[in-house]
Amino acid sequence: MSARPEAPATRALAWLYSSASERAPLAVLCALEREIGASLRARLDHQVAHARLAWWREECERSGAAPSAHPLMRELAEQFAPEPQAALRGLTGLVDCAVWDLAAATFETRRELRAYCERWSAAMIAPLARHAAPKLAPAAALALGAALKEMELLLALAPDAQAGRLRLPLDELSAVAVPAEAVAHAPWPPQLTSLLCERHRELRGTLATTVNTLPAAAQAPLRGVIVWAALLCLQSQRAERRLPHVSAGSEQQRPLDGWHAWRAARRAAAGHGLARTWCTAPAR
């Protein structure tokens, strides 16, 4: 399966500029994430959703150790041969995240939020890194994926909160005296705006540091993931510029993003990491 992943466009551009060895696995992982995430559809009966997720957990736990029922799982096993079980041992992280979201559970602390993002990263980014850049330290891949996921959560903060999924730790909201229900409705109060500005900048810095400390030999085969990081940084700058208002989807994705993706891929192919201008504070 090498078809372009469906929306969001960020992932489609990451796929487009991926190396040959990374493209097909990325497409299958995105398709699997979408299939598992379908259990969160608003009109789906809650018991049916739990049953679907339990079935997916069993499928992910096999991860090539035994014949799988779903075509995506069989294709994953082929993509990550000859050791699919070792490469995909974190795949249940997609189910863990879906179960958390189905329960509309909140993060009490940043440690819980980080654990959620790391589970996603272990399922999505760690296998890609193992496949495309096997000499890369697993901790580096896990950290990169966790930062990617948290940035995606931050960019979808208001709609997720409206769906009952709070993506900020409760202790951080409490520290600035912002009630949890305020997150769902913009314009946001000054205390929350300040907190979000700070978090956007911290995450862009984390992504830049994580990518730019990757060995040059790992950047080229992982250029699709690096394109993903670069585009999220640009969207983060736009979102920060719009605060205290929420960025519309059309503001997050822009026609020139294809050009920025090309630039990011060229830099990664040369081992140059993320451009500094993509990660700094935006001009007001």
Protein backbone atom coordinates (compact mmCIF):
# COMPACT_ATOMS: atom_id res chain seq x y z
CA MET A 1 0.00 0.00 0.00
CA SER A 2 1.66 3.23 -1.13
CA ALA A 3 -1.42 5.40 -1.62
CA ARG A 4 -1.24 8.92 -0.24
CA PRO A 5 -2.68 9.12 3.30
CA GLU A 6 -5.99 10.93 3.62
CA ALA A 7 -6.39 14.23 5.50
CA PRO A 8 -4.78 16.00 7.23
CA ALA A 9 -2.66 17.43 4.42
CA THR A 10 0.40 17.52 6.71
CA ARG A 11 0.60 13.73 6.65
CA ALA A 12 0.01 13.60 2.91
CA LEU A 13 2.98 15.92 2.36
CA ALA A 14 5.08 13.89 4.80
CA TRP A 15 4.25 10.82 2.71
CA LEU A 16 4.99 12.63 -0.56
CA TYR A 17 8.50 13.58 0.52
CA SER A 18 9.29 10.33 2.31
CA SER A 19 12.14 8.14 1.20
CA ALA A 20 11.26 5.07 -0.83
CA SER A 21 11.78 2.83 2.19
CA GLU A 22 9.57 5.01 4.42
CA ARG A 23 6.62 5.79 2.14
CA ALA A 24 4.70 2.50 2.13
CA PRO A 25 5.07 1.86 5.91
CA LEU A 26 3.94 5.42 6.66
CA ALA A 27 0.85 5.01 4.47
CA VAL A 28 -0.14 1.75 6.17
CA LEU A 29 0.42 3.13 9.68
CA CYS A 30 -1.70 6.21 8.88
CA ALA A 31 -4.44 3.98 7.51
CA LEU A 32 -4.33 1.82 10.64
CA GLU A 33 -4.49 4.89 12.89
CA ARG A 34 -7.56 6.04 10.95
CA GLU A 35 -9.25 2.64 11.21
CA ILE A 36 -8.70 2.46 14.96
CA GLY A 37 -9.77 6.09 15.37
CA ALA A 38 -13.06 5.30 13.62
CA SER A 39 -14.14 3.78 16.94
CA LEU A 40 -14.49 7.35 18.23
CA ARG A 41 -17.21 8.37 15.77
CA ALA A 42 -19.81 10.45 17.58
CA ARG A 43 -22.83 8.36 16.57
CA LEU A 44 -21.24 4.98 17.25
CA ASP A 45 -22.76 3.10 20.19
CA HIS A 46 -20.41 3.17 23.19
CA GLN A 47 -20.48 -0.60 23.69
CA VAL A 48 -19.81 -1.17 20.01
CA ALA A 49 -16.87 1.23 20.20
CA HIS A 50 -15.39 -0.69 23.15
CA ALA A 51 -15.89 -3.99 21.31
CA ARG A 52 -14.12 -2.62 18.23
CA LEU A 53 -11.19 -1.39 20.29
CA ALA A 54 -10.90 -4.72 22.13
CA TRP A 55 -10.77 -6.48 18.76
CA TRP A 56 -8.12 -4.07 17.50
CA ARG A 57 -6.07 -4.59 20.65
CA GLU A 58 -5.95 -8.32 19.95
CA GLU A 59 -4.91 -7.64 16.37
CA CYS A 60 -2.17 -5.23 17.43
CA GLU A 61 -0.87 -7.53 20.15
CA ARG A 62 -0.24 -10.23 17.53
CA SER A 63 1.72 -7.81 15.31
CA GLY A 64 3.03 -10.51 13.01
CA ALA A 65 3.44 -13.21 15.65
CA ALA A 66 0.35 -14.99 14.28
CA PRO A 67 -1.87 -14.61 11.20
CA SER A 68 -3.93 -11.41 11.36
CA ALA A 69 -7.55 -11.02 10.34
CA HIS A 70 -7.36 -7.46 9.01
CA PRO A 71 -5.65 -6.71 5.67
CA LEU A 72 -3.85 -3.67 7.12
CA MET A 73 -2.24 -5.81 9.80
CA ARG A 74 -1.12 -8.36 7.23
CA GLU A 75 0.35 -5.59 5.11
CA LEU A 76 2.16 -4.13 8.11
CA ALA A 77 3.70 -7.52 8.82
CA GLU A 78 4.95 -7.62 5.22
CA GLN A 79 6.32 -4.07 5.35
CA PHE A 80 8.25 -4.72 8.56
CA ALA A 81 9.50 -8.19 7.68
CA PRO A 82 11.57 -10.12 8.61
CA GLU A 83 10.94 -9.12 12.27
CA PRO A 84 7.48 -7.52 12.37
CA GLN A 85 6.83 -8.48 15.99
CA ALA A 86 9.92 -6.62 17.20
CA ALA A 87 9.28 -3.57 15.00
CA LEU A 88 5.58 -3.30 15.89
CA ARG A 89 5.62 -4.14 19.59
CA GLY A 90 4.38 -0.64 20.44
CA LEU A 91 1.43 -0.79 18.06
CA THR A 92 -1.12 -1.18 20.87
CA GLY A 93 -0.34 2.44 21.71
CA LEU A 94 -2.87 3.47 19.06
CA VAL A 95 -5.54 1.50 20.89
CA ASP A 96 -4.43 2.90 24.27
CA CYS A 97 -4.86 6.46 22.95
CA ALA A 98 -8.26 5.65 21.42
CA VAL A 99 -9.48 4.08 24.69
CA TRP A 100 -8.33 7.19 26.58
CA ASP A 101 -10.15 9.44 24.13
CA LEU A 102 -13.31 7.33 24.16
CA ALA A 103 -13.44 7.72 27.94
CA ALA A 104 -12.85 11.49 27.56
CA ALA A 105 -10.21 11.08 30.25
CA THR A 106 -8.27 14.17 31.35
CA PHE A 107 -4.56 14.57 31.96
CA GLU A 108 -3.94 15.46 35.59
CA THR A 109 -0.28 16.27 34.95
CA ARG A 110 2.15 16.75 32.09
CA ARG A 111 3.59 13.36 32.89
CA GLU A 112 0.28 11.75 31.89
CA LEU A 113 0.10 13.81 28.71
CA ARG A 114 3.66 12.81 27.85
CA ALA A 115 2.86 9.14 28.40
CA TYR A 116 -0.12 9.42 26.01
CA CYS A 117 2.06 11.03 23.33
CA GLU A 118 4.82 8.47 23.82
CA ARG A 119 2.36 5.61 23.35
CA TRP A 120 1.33 7.13 20.04
CA SER A 121 4.96 7.63 19.08
CA ALA A 122 5.84 4.02 19.93
CA ALA A 123 3.12 2.92 17.53
CA MET A 124 3.68 5.39 14.67
CA ILE A 125 7.18 6.87 14.66
CA ALA A 126 9.33 4.26 16.36
CA PRO A 127 8.53 1.58 13.73
CA LEU A 128 9.33 4.01 10.91
CA ALA A 129 12.65 4.90 12.49
CA ARG A 130 13.53 1.26 13.09
CA HIS A 131 12.64 0.48 9.48
CA ALA A 132 14.32 3.44 7.74
CA ALA A 133 17.17 4.30 10.14
CA PRO A 134 17.88 1.18 12.22
CA LYS A 135 21.01 2.67 13.82
CA LEU A 136 19.06 5.57 15.35
CA ALA A 137 18.66 5.34 19.13
CA PRO A 138 15.06 4.31 19.97
CA ALA A 139 14.84 7.10 22.57
CA ALA A 140 15.46 9.75 19.88
CA ALA A 141 12.64 8.40 17.69
CA LEU A 142 10.29 8.18 20.67
CA ALA A 143 11.01 11.79 21.71
CA LEU A 144 10.50 13.09 18.17
CA GLY A 145 7.16 11.32 17.81
CA ALA A 146 5.94 12.44 21.23
CA ALA A 147 6.64 16.08 20.35
CA LEU A 148 4.87 15.64 17.00
CA LYS A 149 1.79 14.25 18.69
CA GLU A 150 1.61 16.91 21.38
CA MET A 151 1.88 19.61 18.73
CA GLU A 152 -1.04 18.03 16.85
CA LEU A 153 -3.05 18.03 20.08
CA LEU A 154 -2.20 21.67 20.74
CA LEU A 155 -3.28 22.68 17.24
CA ALA A 156 -6.66 20.98 17.71
CA LEU A 157 -7.19 22.22 21.25
CA ALA A 158 -10.63 23.88 20.96
CA PRO A 159 -12.45 21.29 18.79
CA ASP A 160 -11.08 18.46 20.93
CA ALA A 161 -12.26 20.24 24.08
CA GLN A 162 -15.70 20.70 22.53
CA ALA A 163 -15.75 16.92 21.97
CA GLY A 164 -14.95 16.39 25.66
CA ARG A 165 -11.22 15.74 25.21
CA LEU A 166 -9.11 18.16 27.21
CA ARG A 167 -5.54 18.26 25.87
CA LEU A 168 -3.94 20.38 28.59
CA PRO A 169 -2.91 19.09 32.04
CA LEU A 170 -5.32 20.07 34.78
CA ASP A 171 -2.56 21.11 37.16
CA GLU A 172 -1.23 23.64 34.63
CA LEU A 173 -4.69 25.11 34.10
CA SER A 174 -5.19 25.29 37.86
CA ALA A 175 -1.85 27.08 38.27
CA VAL A 176 -3.07 29.95 36.07
CA ALA A 177 -6.61 29.89 37.48
CA VAL A 178 -8.28 28.84 34.21
CA PRO A 179 -11.30 26.51 34.47
CA ALA A 180 -11.17 23.47 32.21
CA GLU A 181 -14.37 24.44 30.43
CA ALA A 182 -12.75 27.68 29.18
CA VAL A 183 -10.53 25.70 26.79
CA ALA A 184 -13.46 24.86 24.53
CA HIS A 185 -14.40 28.47 23.80
CA ALA A 186 -12.25 31.17 22.23
CA PRO A 187 -11.27 33.92 22.48
CA TRP A 188 -9.30 32.53 25.40
CA PRO A 189 -8.60 34.51 28.58
CA PRO A 190 -5.17 36.18 28.93
CA GLN A 191 -3.84 33.56 31.38
CA LEU A 192 -4.66 30.71 28.98
CA THR A 193 -3.33 32.67 26.00
CA SER A 194 -0.03 33.15 27.80
CA LEU A 195 0.14 29.45 28.69
CA LEU A 196 -0.54 28.46 25.08
CA CYS A 197 2.08 30.87 23.69
CA GLU A 198 4.63 29.38 26.03
CA ARG A 199 3.73 25.82 25.11
CA HIS A 200 3.80 26.50 21.36
CA ARG A 201 7.31 27.93 21.69
CA GLU A 202 8.51 25.12 23.92
CA LEU A 203 7.24 22.46 21.53
CA ARG A 204 8.77 24.15 18.49
CA GLY A 205 12.04 24.29 20.39
CA THR A 206 11.75 20.62 21.32
CA LEU A 207 11.06 19.62 17.73
CA ALA A 208 13.97 21.70 16.44
CA THR A 209 16.39 20.33 19.02
CA THR A 210 15.27 16.74 18.51
CA VAL A 211 15.48 16.91 14.72
CA ASN A 212 18.69 18.91 14.58
CA THR A 213 20.52 16.51 16.89
CA LEU A 214 19.63 13.51 14.73
CA PRO A 215 22.68 12.13 12.93
CA ALA A 216 22.86 13.30 9.32
CA ALA A 217 22.73 9.66 8.22
CA ALA A 218 19.32 9.30 9.91
CA GLN A 219 17.80 12.55 8.60
CA ALA A 220 17.75 11.55 4.94
CA PRO A 221 15.81 8.28 5.37
CA LEU A 222 13.47 9.97 7.88
CA ARG A 223 12.86 13.07 5.80
CA GLY A 224 9.11 12.43 5.63
CA VAL A 225 8.86 12.63 9.42
CA ILE A 226 11.06 15.73 9.40
CA VAL A 227 8.76 17.36 6.81
CA TRP A 228 5.89 16.54 9.17
CA ALA A 229 7.71 18.30 12.03
CA ALA A 230 8.53 21.34 9.89
CA LEU A 231 4.93 21.80 8.78
CA LEU A 232 3.64 21.48 12.34
CA CYS A 233 6.11 24.17 13.42
CA LEU A 234 4.80 26.50 10.72
CA GLN A 235 1.20 25.79 11.75
CA SER A 236 2.18 26.43 15.36
CA GLN A 237 3.55 29.85 14.43
CA ARG A 238 0.28 30.70 12.67
CA ALA A 239 -1.77 29.46 15.62
CA GLU A 240 0.30 31.50 18.07
CA ARG A 241 -0.10 34.59 15.91
CA ARG A 242 -3.90 34.16 16.00
CA LEU A 243 -4.12 33.89 19.80
CA PRO A 244 -6.38 34.42 21.73
CA HIS A 245 -8.49 33.27 18.78
CA VAL A 246 -8.57 29.79 17.27
CA SER A 247 -7.04 29.22 13.86
CA ALA A 248 -9.47 27.86 11.28
CA GLY A 249 -8.47 24.77 9.35
CA SER A 250 -7.92 26.88 6.24
CA GLU A 251 -5.41 28.98 8.17
CA GLN A 252 -3.45 25.96 9.35
CA GLN A 253 -3.03 24.60 5.80
CA ARG A 254 -1.81 27.00 3.12
CA PRO A 255 -0.89 26.65 -0.56
CA LEU A 256 2.77 27.44 0.12
CA ASP A 257 3.01 24.52 2.54
CA GLY A 258 3.95 22.32 -0.41
CA TRP A 259 6.95 24.54 -1.05
CA HIS A 260 7.90 24.54 2.62
CA ALA A 261 7.64 20.74 2.63
CA TRP A 262 9.99 20.59 -0.36
CA ARG A 263 12.48 22.85 1.44
CA ALA A 264 12.29 20.74 4.59
CA ALA A 265 12.86 17.56 2.59
CA ARG A 266 15.89 19.10 0.85
CA ARG A 267 17.38 20.14 4.18
CA ALA A 268 16.78 16.71 5.69
CA ALA A 269 18.34 14.98 2.68
CA ALA A 270 21.46 17.08 3.27
CA GLY A 271 21.40 16.45 7.04
CA HIS A 272 20.68 20.10 7.88
CA GLY A 273 17.62 19.62 10.10
CA LEU A 274 14.91 22.23 10.60
CA ALA A 275 15.39 25.84 9.55
CA ARG A 276 15.62 28.22 12.50
CA THR A 277 12.92 30.52 11.06
CA TRP A 278 10.35 27.69 11.26
CA CYS A 279 10.82 27.31 15.02
CA THR A 280 11.19 30.84 16.36
CA ALA A 281 8.45 33.09 17.72
CA PRO A 282 6.18 34.45 14.95
CA ALA A 283 6.12 38.09 13.97
CA ARG A 284 2.96 39.80 15.18
